[in-house]
Amino acid sequence: MKQAIRKGKYNIALREKNEKLSIQYIFSEDMKKKILLDLRIEDFCEAVQNEKPEYSHEILYVFGKEVYLLPRFGGEKEKISLYIKINKLQNSFCIIVSFHEQEFPLNYAFK
């Protein structure tokens, strides 16, 4: 996964939840890439089947990561808990399905 990201072979899905983070916080594409490359085994939560019937053969990998981001409209840096769900395709390309604030507590597999 990290090799694909280093080579630029990834895409963050254009979903409302994902875009909301970039609207609320100063959050560049380089920052997103750095966070993805900084994911550690301790950030891993679970691997799940893709729920969409046409993609049921795919496995999605869920991570949680705490980061500090600067609010776009003023204020001090805030600690944000991210929910990151990644689909690593067989052709060495990754789709970052989810990259947004956590909506519920996560259970970490290795913490």
N, C-alpha and C. Protein backbone atom coordinates (compact mmCIF):
# COMPACT_ATOMS: atom_id res chain seq x y z
N MET A 1 0.81 -1.18 0.00
CA MET A 1 0.00 0.00 0.00
C MET A 1 0.86 1.26 0.00
N LYS A 2 1.87 1.29 0.85
CA LYS A 2 2.72 2.47 0.92
C LYS A 2 3.52 2.67 -0.37
N GLN A 3 3.92 1.57 -1.01
CA GLN A 3 4.63 1.70 -2.30
C GLN A 3 3.75 2.39 -3.33
N ALA A 4 2.49 1.99 -3.38
CA ALA A 4 1.56 2.60 -4.33
C ALA A 4 1.40 4.09 -4.03
N ILE A 5 1.29 4.43 -2.77
CA ILE A 5 1.12 5.84 -2.38
C ILE A 5 2.37 6.64 -2.72
N ARG A 6 3.54 6.09 -2.41
CA ARG A 6 4.80 6.78 -2.75
C ARG A 6 4.90 7.05 -4.26
N LYS A 7 4.41 6.10 -5.06
CA LYS A 7 4.49 6.23 -6.53
C LYS A 7 3.34 7.06 -7.10
N GLY A 8 2.45 7.54 -6.21
CA GLY A 8 1.31 8.32 -6.68
C GLY A 8 0.20 7.49 -7.30
N LYS A 9 0.22 6.18 -7.02
CA LYS A 9 -0.79 5.28 -7.58
C LYS A 9 -1.93 5.09 -6.57
N TYR A 10 -2.58 6.21 -6.27
CA TYR A 10 -3.72 6.17 -5.35
C TYR A 10 -4.64 7.34 -5.65
N ASN A 11 -5.84 7.21 -5.15
CA ASN A 11 -6.83 8.26 -5.34
C ASN A 11 -7.70 8.31 -4.09
N ILE A 12 -7.99 9.50 -3.62
CA ILE A 12 -8.91 9.65 -2.49
C ILE A 12 -10.29 9.90 -3.08
N ALA A 13 -11.23 9.04 -2.73
CA ALA A 13 -12.58 9.12 -3.30
C ALA A 13 -13.21 10.47 -3.01
N LEU A 14 -13.91 10.98 -4.00
CA LEU A 14 -14.63 12.24 -3.86
C LEU A 14 -15.99 11.96 -3.22
N ARG A 15 -15.98 11.95 -1.91
CA ARG A 15 -17.20 11.73 -1.14
C ARG A 15 -17.42 12.94 -0.26
N GLU A 16 -18.66 13.22 0.04
CA GLU A 16 -18.99 14.40 0.84
C GLU A 16 -18.24 14.40 2.17
N LYS A 17 -18.19 13.27 2.86
CA LYS A 17 -17.49 13.20 4.15
C LYS A 17 -16.01 13.52 4.00
N ASN A 18 -15.41 13.01 2.93
CA ASN A 18 -13.98 13.25 2.70
C ASN A 18 -13.72 14.73 2.39
N GLU A 19 -14.57 15.32 1.58
CA GLU A 19 -14.40 16.72 1.19
C GLU A 19 -14.64 17.67 2.37
N LYS A 20 -15.53 17.30 3.26
CA LYS A 20 -15.86 18.14 4.42
C LYS A 20 -14.62 18.45 5.26
N LEU A 21 -13.74 17.47 5.39
CA LEU A 21 -12.52 17.66 6.17
C LEU A 21 -11.66 18.77 5.57
N SER A 22 -11.56 18.80 4.24
CA SER A 22 -10.76 19.83 3.57
C SER A 22 -11.43 21.21 3.61
N ILE A 23 -12.71 21.23 3.81
CA ILE A 23 -13.42 22.51 3.94
C ILE A 23 -13.24 23.08 5.34
N GLN A 24 -13.31 22.21 6.35
CA GLN A 24 -13.23 22.66 7.74
C GLN A 24 -11.81 22.96 8.21
N TYR A 25 -10.82 22.29 7.61
CA TYR A 25 -9.43 22.43 8.06
C TYR A 25 -8.52 22.74 6.88
N ILE A 26 -7.39 23.38 7.19
CA ILE A 26 -6.36 23.60 6.17
C ILE A 26 -5.65 22.27 6.01
N PHE A 27 -5.86 21.66 4.86
CA PHE A 27 -5.51 20.26 4.70
C PHE A 27 -5.15 19.99 3.25
N SER A 28 -3.87 20.07 2.91
CA SER A 28 -3.42 19.92 1.53
C SER A 28 -3.31 18.45 1.13
N GLU A 29 -3.18 18.22 -0.17
CA GLU A 29 -2.98 16.87 -0.69
C GLU A 29 -1.67 16.28 -0.16
N ASP A 30 -0.64 17.11 -0.01
CA ASP A 30 0.64 16.64 0.55
C ASP A 30 0.47 16.17 1.99
N MET A 31 -0.35 16.88 2.76
CA MET A 31 -0.60 16.47 4.14
C MET A 31 -1.33 15.13 4.18
N LYS A 32 -2.29 14.96 3.29
CA LYS A 32 -3.03 13.70 3.23
C LYS A 32 -2.08 12.55 2.89
N LYS A 33 -1.20 12.78 1.91
CA LYS A 33 -0.24 11.75 1.52
C LYS A 33 0.69 11.42 2.68
N LYS A 34 1.15 12.43 3.41
CA LYS A 34 2.03 12.21 4.56
C LYS A 34 1.32 11.37 5.63
N ILE A 35 0.07 11.67 5.90
CA ILE A 35 -0.70 10.89 6.88
C ILE A 35 -0.82 9.44 6.43
N LEU A 36 -1.11 9.22 5.17
CA LEU A 36 -1.22 7.85 4.65
C LEU A 36 0.11 7.10 4.79
N LEU A 37 1.21 7.79 4.49
CA LEU A 37 2.52 7.15 4.61
C LEU A 37 2.95 6.94 6.05
N ASP A 38 2.35 7.71 6.97
CA ASP A 38 2.66 7.58 8.40
C ASP A 38 1.81 6.52 9.11
N LEU A 39 0.89 5.88 8.41
CA LEU A 39 0.08 4.84 9.05
C LEU A 39 0.98 3.72 9.55
N ARG A 40 0.69 3.26 10.74
CA ARG A 40 1.47 2.19 11.40
C ARG A 40 0.55 1.02 11.72
N ILE A 41 1.13 -0.09 12.03
CA ILE A 41 0.36 -1.28 12.39
C ILE A 41 -0.55 -0.98 13.59
N GLU A 42 -0.09 -0.10 14.48
CA GLU A 42 -0.89 0.26 15.66
C GLU A 42 -2.15 1.04 15.28
N ASP A 43 -2.18 1.62 14.08
CA ASP A 43 -3.35 2.37 13.60
C ASP A 43 -4.39 1.47 12.95
N PHE A 44 -4.03 0.21 12.69
CA PHE A 44 -4.93 -0.73 12.00
C PHE A 44 -6.07 -1.16 12.92
N CYS A 45 -7.27 -1.19 12.35
CA CYS A 45 -8.45 -1.62 13.11
C CYS A 45 -8.97 -2.96 12.63
N GLU A 46 -9.27 -3.06 11.34
CA GLU A 46 -9.85 -4.30 10.83
C GLU A 46 -9.80 -4.34 9.31
N ALA A 47 -10.00 -5.54 8.78
CA ALA A 47 -10.17 -5.75 7.34
C ALA A 47 -11.58 -6.26 7.15
N VAL A 48 -12.31 -5.66 6.21
CA VAL A 48 -13.72 -6.01 6.00
C VAL A 48 -13.98 -6.26 4.52
N GLN A 49 -14.97 -7.10 4.24
CA GLN A 49 -15.42 -7.30 2.86
C GLN A 49 -16.09 -6.03 2.37
N ASN A 50 -15.88 -5.72 1.13
CA ASN A 50 -16.60 -4.61 0.51
C ASN A 50 -18.08 -4.99 0.48
N GLU A 51 -18.93 -4.10 0.96
CA GLU A 51 -20.37 -4.39 1.06
C GLU A 51 -21.10 -4.25 -0.27
N LYS A 52 -20.47 -3.61 -1.24
CA LYS A 52 -21.13 -3.45 -2.54
C LYS A 52 -21.04 -4.77 -3.29
N PRO A 53 -22.19 -5.31 -3.72
CA PRO A 53 -22.21 -6.65 -4.36
C PRO A 53 -21.23 -6.80 -5.52
N GLU A 54 -21.08 -5.77 -6.34
CA GLU A 54 -20.20 -5.88 -7.51
C GLU A 54 -18.72 -5.89 -7.12
N TYR A 55 -18.43 -5.53 -5.86
CA TYR A 55 -17.04 -5.51 -5.38
C TYR A 55 -16.85 -6.43 -4.18
N SER A 56 -17.72 -7.39 -4.02
CA SER A 56 -17.70 -8.25 -2.82
C SER A 56 -16.42 -9.07 -2.70
N HIS A 57 -15.65 -9.19 -3.76
CA HIS A 57 -14.38 -9.93 -3.73
C HIS A 57 -13.25 -9.09 -3.13
N GLU A 58 -13.49 -7.80 -2.90
CA GLU A 58 -12.44 -6.90 -2.42
C GLU A 58 -12.45 -6.79 -0.90
N ILE A 59 -11.26 -6.59 -0.35
CA ILE A 59 -11.07 -6.39 1.09
C ILE A 59 -10.73 -4.93 1.31
N LEU A 60 -11.37 -4.31 2.29
CA LEU A 60 -11.10 -2.92 2.68
C LEU A 60 -10.39 -2.93 4.02
N TYR A 61 -9.37 -2.10 4.14
CA TYR A 61 -8.55 -2.03 5.35
C TYR A 61 -8.86 -0.73 6.08
N VAL A 62 -9.24 -0.84 7.36
CA VAL A 62 -9.68 0.30 8.15
C VAL A 62 -8.58 0.68 9.15
N PHE A 63 -8.29 1.98 9.19
CA PHE A 63 -7.30 2.54 10.11
C PHE A 63 -7.90 3.74 10.83
N GLY A 64 -7.37 4.02 12.00
CA GLY A 64 -7.69 5.25 12.71
C GLY A 64 -6.38 5.98 12.97
N LYS A 65 -6.40 7.28 12.87
CA LYS A 65 -5.17 8.06 13.05
C LYS A 65 -5.52 9.40 13.68
N GLU A 66 -4.78 9.78 14.72
CA GLU A 66 -4.97 11.10 15.33
C GLU A 66 -3.95 12.05 14.73
N VAL A 67 -4.44 13.21 14.30
CA VAL A 67 -3.60 14.24 13.70
C VAL A 67 -4.01 15.60 14.25
N TYR A 68 -3.14 16.57 14.10
CA TYR A 68 -3.45 17.94 14.48
C TYR A 68 -3.63 18.76 13.22
N LEU A 69 -4.78 19.43 13.13
CA LEU A 69 -5.09 20.24 11.96
C LEU A 69 -5.51 21.64 12.39
N LEU A 70 -5.22 22.59 11.54
CA LEU A 70 -5.55 23.99 11.78
C LEU A 70 -6.91 24.29 11.16
N PRO A 71 -7.88 24.77 11.97
CA PRO A 71 -9.19 25.11 11.41
C PRO A 71 -9.05 26.19 10.34
N ARG A 72 -9.76 26.03 9.24
CA ARG A 72 -9.67 26.94 8.12
C ARG A 72 -10.14 28.35 8.48
N PHE A 73 -11.08 28.47 9.39
CA PHE A 73 -11.66 29.78 9.68
C PHE A 73 -11.21 30.33 11.03
N GLY A 74 -9.99 30.00 11.42
CA GLY A 74 -9.39 30.55 12.63
C GLY A 74 -9.41 29.60 13.81
N GLY A 75 -8.54 29.90 14.76
CA GLY A 75 -8.44 29.08 15.96
C GLY A 75 -7.12 28.33 16.02
N GLU A 76 -6.96 27.64 17.12
CA GLU A 76 -5.75 26.85 17.37
C GLU A 76 -5.86 25.50 16.69
N LYS A 77 -4.71 24.84 16.51
CA LYS A 77 -4.71 23.48 15.97
C LYS A 77 -5.58 22.60 16.87
N GLU A 78 -6.28 21.68 16.22
CA GLU A 78 -7.16 20.75 16.94
C GLU A 78 -6.72 19.32 16.68
N LYS A 79 -6.86 18.47 17.71
CA LYS A 79 -6.58 17.05 17.52
C LYS A 79 -7.82 16.41 16.91
N ILE A 80 -7.62 15.79 15.75
CA ILE A 80 -8.71 15.18 14.99
C ILE A 80 -8.44 13.68 14.88
N SER A 81 -9.46 12.89 15.16
CA SER A 81 -9.37 11.44 14.99
C SER A 81 -9.93 11.09 13.61
N LEU A 82 -9.07 10.56 12.76
CA LEU A 82 -9.46 10.23 11.39
C LEU A 82 -9.89 8.78 11.25
N TYR A 83 -10.81 8.57 10.32
CA TYR A 83 -11.24 7.24 9.89
C TYR A 83 -10.75 7.09 8.46
N ILE A 84 -9.91 6.10 8.22
CA ILE A 84 -9.31 5.89 6.91
C ILE A 84 -9.60 4.46 6.47
N LYS A 85 -10.24 4.33 5.31
CA LYS A 85 -10.55 3.00 4.78
C LYS A 85 -9.95 2.91 3.39
N ILE A 86 -9.14 1.87 3.18
CA ILE A 86 -8.34 1.75 1.95
C ILE A 86 -8.68 0.45 1.22
N ASN A 87 -8.81 0.58 -0.09
CA ASN A 87 -9.01 -0.56 -0.96
C ASN A 87 -7.75 -0.70 -1.80
N LYS A 88 -6.96 -1.75 -1.55
CA LYS A 88 -5.75 -1.99 -2.34
C LYS A 88 -6.11 -2.97 -3.45
N LEU A 89 -6.08 -2.46 -4.66
CA LEU A 89 -6.44 -3.27 -5.81
C LEU A 89 -5.27 -4.13 -6.26
N GLN A 90 -5.55 -5.17 -7.01
CA GLN A 90 -4.52 -6.10 -7.45
C GLN A 90 -3.50 -5.46 -8.38
N ASN A 91 -3.86 -4.39 -9.04
CA ASN A 91 -2.92 -3.75 -9.97
C ASN A 91 -2.02 -2.73 -9.28
N SER A 92 -1.83 -2.88 -7.97
CA SER A 92 -0.96 -2.00 -7.18
C SER A 92 -1.46 -0.55 -7.15
N PHE A 93 -2.76 -0.38 -7.19
CA PHE A 93 -3.37 0.94 -7.08
C PHE A 93 -4.25 0.92 -5.84
N CYS A 94 -4.27 2.03 -5.10
CA CYS A 94 -5.09 2.12 -3.89
C CYS A 94 -6.17 3.17 -4.06
N ILE A 95 -7.35 2.83 -3.62
CA ILE A 95 -8.43 3.81 -3.54
C ILE A 95 -8.66 4.07 -2.05
N ILE A 96 -8.52 5.32 -1.67
CA ILE A 96 -8.79 5.71 -0.29
C ILE A 96 -10.28 6.01 -0.25
N VAL A 97 -11.05 5.04 0.20
CA VAL A 97 -12.51 5.13 0.17
C VAL A 97 -12.99 6.15 1.19
N SER A 98 -12.42 6.11 2.38
CA SER A 98 -12.81 7.03 3.46
C SER A 98 -11.58 7.72 4.01
N PHE A 99 -11.70 9.03 4.19
CA PHE A 99 -10.63 9.84 4.78
C PHE A 99 -11.33 11.03 5.41
N HIS A 100 -11.87 10.78 6.61
CA HIS A 100 -12.67 11.81 7.28
C HIS A 100 -12.62 11.63 8.78
N GLU A 101 -13.29 12.53 9.50
CA GLU A 101 -13.33 12.42 10.96
C GLU A 101 -14.08 11.15 11.34
N GLN A 102 -13.62 10.53 12.43
CA GLN A 102 -14.31 9.34 12.94
C GLN A 102 -15.71 9.73 13.40
N GLU A 103 -16.65 8.85 13.10
CA GLU A 103 -18.03 9.07 13.53
C GLU A 103 -18.38 8.23 14.74
N PHE A 104 -17.52 7.26 15.05
CA PHE A 104 -17.74 6.36 16.19
C PHE A 104 -16.37 5.86 16.64
N PRO A 105 -16.26 5.42 17.89
CA PRO A 105 -14.96 4.89 18.36
C PRO A 105 -14.55 3.64 17.59
N LEU A 106 -13.26 3.52 17.36
CA LEU A 106 -12.72 2.37 16.65
C LEU A 106 -12.04 1.42 17.62
N ASN A 107 -12.02 0.15 17.27
CA ASN A 107 -11.30 -0.87 18.03
C ASN A 107 -10.02 -1.17 17.25
N TYR A 108 -8.88 -0.94 17.89
CA TYR A 108 -7.59 -1.13 17.24
C TYR A 108 -7.11 -2.55 17.49
N ALA A 109 -6.68 -3.23 16.44
CA ALA A 109 -6.27 -4.62 16.53
C ALA A 109 -4.95 -4.80 17.29
N PHE A 110 -4.07 -3.78 17.25
CA PHE A 110 -2.73 -3.95 17.81
C PHE A 110 -2.36 -2.90 18.86
N LYS A 111 -3.34 -2.31 19.49
CA LYS A 111 -3.08 -1.34 20.58
C LYS A 111 -3.46 -1.95 21.89
